[in-house]
Structures are given as C-alpha cells and as structure tokens.
Amino acid sequence: MIGTKRLRLDEETIGDLVRDVRREAGLSQAQLAAALGTTQSAVSRWERGHDTPRADTLAAILRACGYEADMVLRPRDTGVDRAQIRNALSMSSEKRLASSANVSRMLAGARRA
C-alpha cells in the first residue's frame, strides 16, 4: 500500500511504485499501457526497474491508477522560518484555526485596499 509514506525515487522504487499503484487500481500491464498510449513491454520494463518513466509519464501513470502526483520542486530550506513553524505546531487546533481566519481577514482587507 502506498498511503502517505515518503519514497526516495530511484529506478527500483519507481518500479515498485508503478507496480503497486497499477495492482491497487486493478489494472493489468496491458490495460495501463493502453491508458497511457504505450506498450505493455514499456510498463513491464518500468516495473522491473530496467527503464524509468519520465516525470510527466510517472504523473500520468499515477493519475491513470487513481492517484494524484504531488511533485513539488523547490530549493531545500530556502525562506523557511523554522521558529514560525514551531510556533504554529505548538498551537492548539482552535488557536491555529483562529490564526488562519485572522490571516484570511487581513488578506481580504489588503485586497480591498
């Protein structure tokens, strides 16, 4: 099961990911290939780690199997305010909700101005 675990994507884990999501979707390799406009042998090569799909193809594989690919590329730790994150995590859910509502009100006011 894929769930919310983090994966380090190398050829082997990409192959495992493709196989796991395809099986969970109840698709054969041929059915997934047809949905992607490729061949069953290409899907087989991906699953065995003999080839790696491009990033856009991997996203298409995930969509075809009922998953959403949340791939975000950004510089690591740039502009991160760790103190602000720690502060937000230490708040109760009620305080966090009130803080979010306050930010929304301030943004709405700024837009009107």
Protein backbone atom coordinates (compact mmCIF):
# COMPACT_ATOMS: atom_id res chain seq x y z
CA MET A 1 0.00 0.00 0.00
CA ILE A 2 1.31 3.43 -0.93
CA GLY A 3 -0.54 5.61 1.61
CA THR A 4 1.35 8.63 2.86
CA LYS A 5 4.81 7.12 3.22
CA ARG A 6 7.68 9.06 1.69
CA LEU A 7 9.59 7.40 -1.09
CA ARG A 8 13.08 8.03 -2.29
CA LEU A 9 12.66 7.59 -6.00
CA ASP A 10 15.31 5.51 -7.69
CA GLU A 11 14.77 3.04 -10.53
CA GLU A 12 13.83 0.20 -8.18
CA THR A 13 11.37 2.16 -6.06
CA ILE A 14 9.81 3.76 -9.13
CA GLY A 15 9.29 0.26 -10.50
CA ASP A 16 7.73 -0.85 -7.20
CA LEU A 17 5.54 2.26 -7.16
CA VAL A 18 4.29 1.68 -10.73
CA ARG A 19 3.55 -2.00 -9.98
CA ASP A 20 1.84 -1.27 -6.64
CA VAL A 21 -0.45 1.51 -7.89
CA ARG A 22 -1.32 -0.50 -11.02
CA ARG A 23 -2.27 -3.53 -8.93
CA GLU A 24 -4.24 -1.45 -6.42
CA ALA A 25 -6.15 0.04 -9.35
CA GLY A 26 -6.92 -3.48 -10.56
CA LEU A 27 -5.26 -2.91 -13.94
CA SER A 28 -3.17 -5.29 -15.97
CA GLN A 29 0.04 -4.05 -17.52
CA ALA A 30 -1.71 -4.07 -20.90
CA GLN A 31 -4.63 -2.00 -19.58
CA LEU A 32 -2.30 0.59 -18.03
CA ALA A 33 -0.28 0.71 -21.23
CA ALA A 34 -3.44 1.33 -23.27
CA ALA A 35 -4.50 4.14 -20.91
CA LEU A 36 -1.08 5.75 -21.36
CA GLY A 37 -0.77 5.19 -25.08
CA THR A 38 2.30 2.99 -24.70
CA THR A 39 3.11 -0.70 -24.78
CA GLN A 40 2.79 -3.45 -22.20
CA SER A 41 6.52 -4.10 -22.54
CA ALA A 42 7.26 -0.47 -21.54
CA VAL A 43 5.15 -0.90 -18.38
CA SER A 44 6.95 -4.18 -17.66
CA ARG A 45 10.38 -2.51 -18.06
CA TRP A 46 9.35 0.27 -15.65
CA GLU A 47 8.09 -2.21 -13.06
CA ARG A 48 11.26 -4.31 -13.23
CA GLY A 49 13.47 -1.23 -12.93
CA HIS A 50 15.01 -1.78 -16.37
CA ASP A 51 13.78 1.62 -17.54
CA THR A 52 12.46 4.73 -15.80
CA PRO A 53 9.44 6.73 -16.96
CA ARG A 54 9.87 10.48 -17.37
CA ALA A 55 8.41 12.66 -14.61
CA ASP A 56 5.37 13.59 -16.74
CA THR A 57 4.81 9.93 -17.61
CA LEU A 58 5.05 8.95 -13.94
CA ALA A 59 2.41 11.57 -13.13
CA ALA A 60 0.21 10.14 -15.92
CA ILE A 61 0.69 6.60 -14.53
CA LEU A 62 -0.40 7.76 -11.09
CA ARG A 63 -3.46 9.58 -12.49
CA ALA A 64 -4.46 6.53 -14.56
CA CYS A 65 -4.33 4.47 -11.36
CA GLY A 66 -6.42 6.92 -9.32
CA TYR A 67 -3.61 8.79 -7.56
CA GLU A 68 -2.64 12.43 -7.63
CA ALA A 69 1.04 13.18 -8.01
CA ASP A 70 2.09 15.94 -5.65
CA MET A 71 5.53 16.61 -7.04
CA VAL A 72 6.88 19.93 -5.90
CA LEU A 73 10.37 21.03 -6.78
CA ARG A 74 11.81 23.85 -4.69
CA PRO A 75 15.13 24.77 -3.13
CA ARG A 76 15.65 22.99 0.17
CA ASP A 77 15.18 25.17 3.31
CA THR A 78 15.19 28.44 1.39
CA GLY A 79 12.98 31.01 3.06
CA VAL A 80 11.79 28.64 5.78
CA ASP A 81 11.05 30.32 9.07
CA ARG A 82 11.52 27.41 11.47
CA ALA A 83 10.50 29.47 14.51
CA GLN A 84 7.18 30.27 12.84
CA ILE A 85 6.65 26.59 12.00
CA ARG A 86 7.46 25.53 15.60
CA ASN A 87 5.07 28.20 16.89
CA ALA A 88 2.25 27.01 14.61
CA LEU A 89 2.80 23.38 15.57
CA SER A 90 2.71 24.22 19.27
CA MET A 91 -0.72 25.89 18.95
CA SER A 92 -3.92 24.06 19.73
CA SER A 93 -6.12 23.33 16.74
CA GLU A 94 -8.53 26.05 17.88
CA LYS A 95 -5.75 28.67 18.05
CA ARG A 96 -4.37 27.55 14.69
CA LEU A 97 -7.84 27.91 13.13
CA ALA A 98 -8.28 31.38 14.69
CA SER A 99 -4.85 32.40 13.41
CA SER A 100 -5.71 31.19 9.90
CA ALA A 101 -9.00 33.09 9.99
CA ASN A 102 -7.15 36.23 11.09
CA VAL A 103 -4.67 35.90 8.20
CA SER A 104 -7.58 35.44 5.78
CA ARG A 105 -9.25 38.61 7.10
CA MET A 106 -6.01 40.56 6.75
CA LEU A 107 -5.52 39.35 3.17
CA ALA A 108 -9.10 40.23 2.28
CA GLY A 109 -8.57 43.72 3.71
CA ALA A 110 -5.35 44.13 1.77
CA ARG A 111 -7.09 43.13 -1.46
CA ARG A 112 -9.82 45.71 -0.91
CA ALA A 113 -7.26 48.46 -0.25
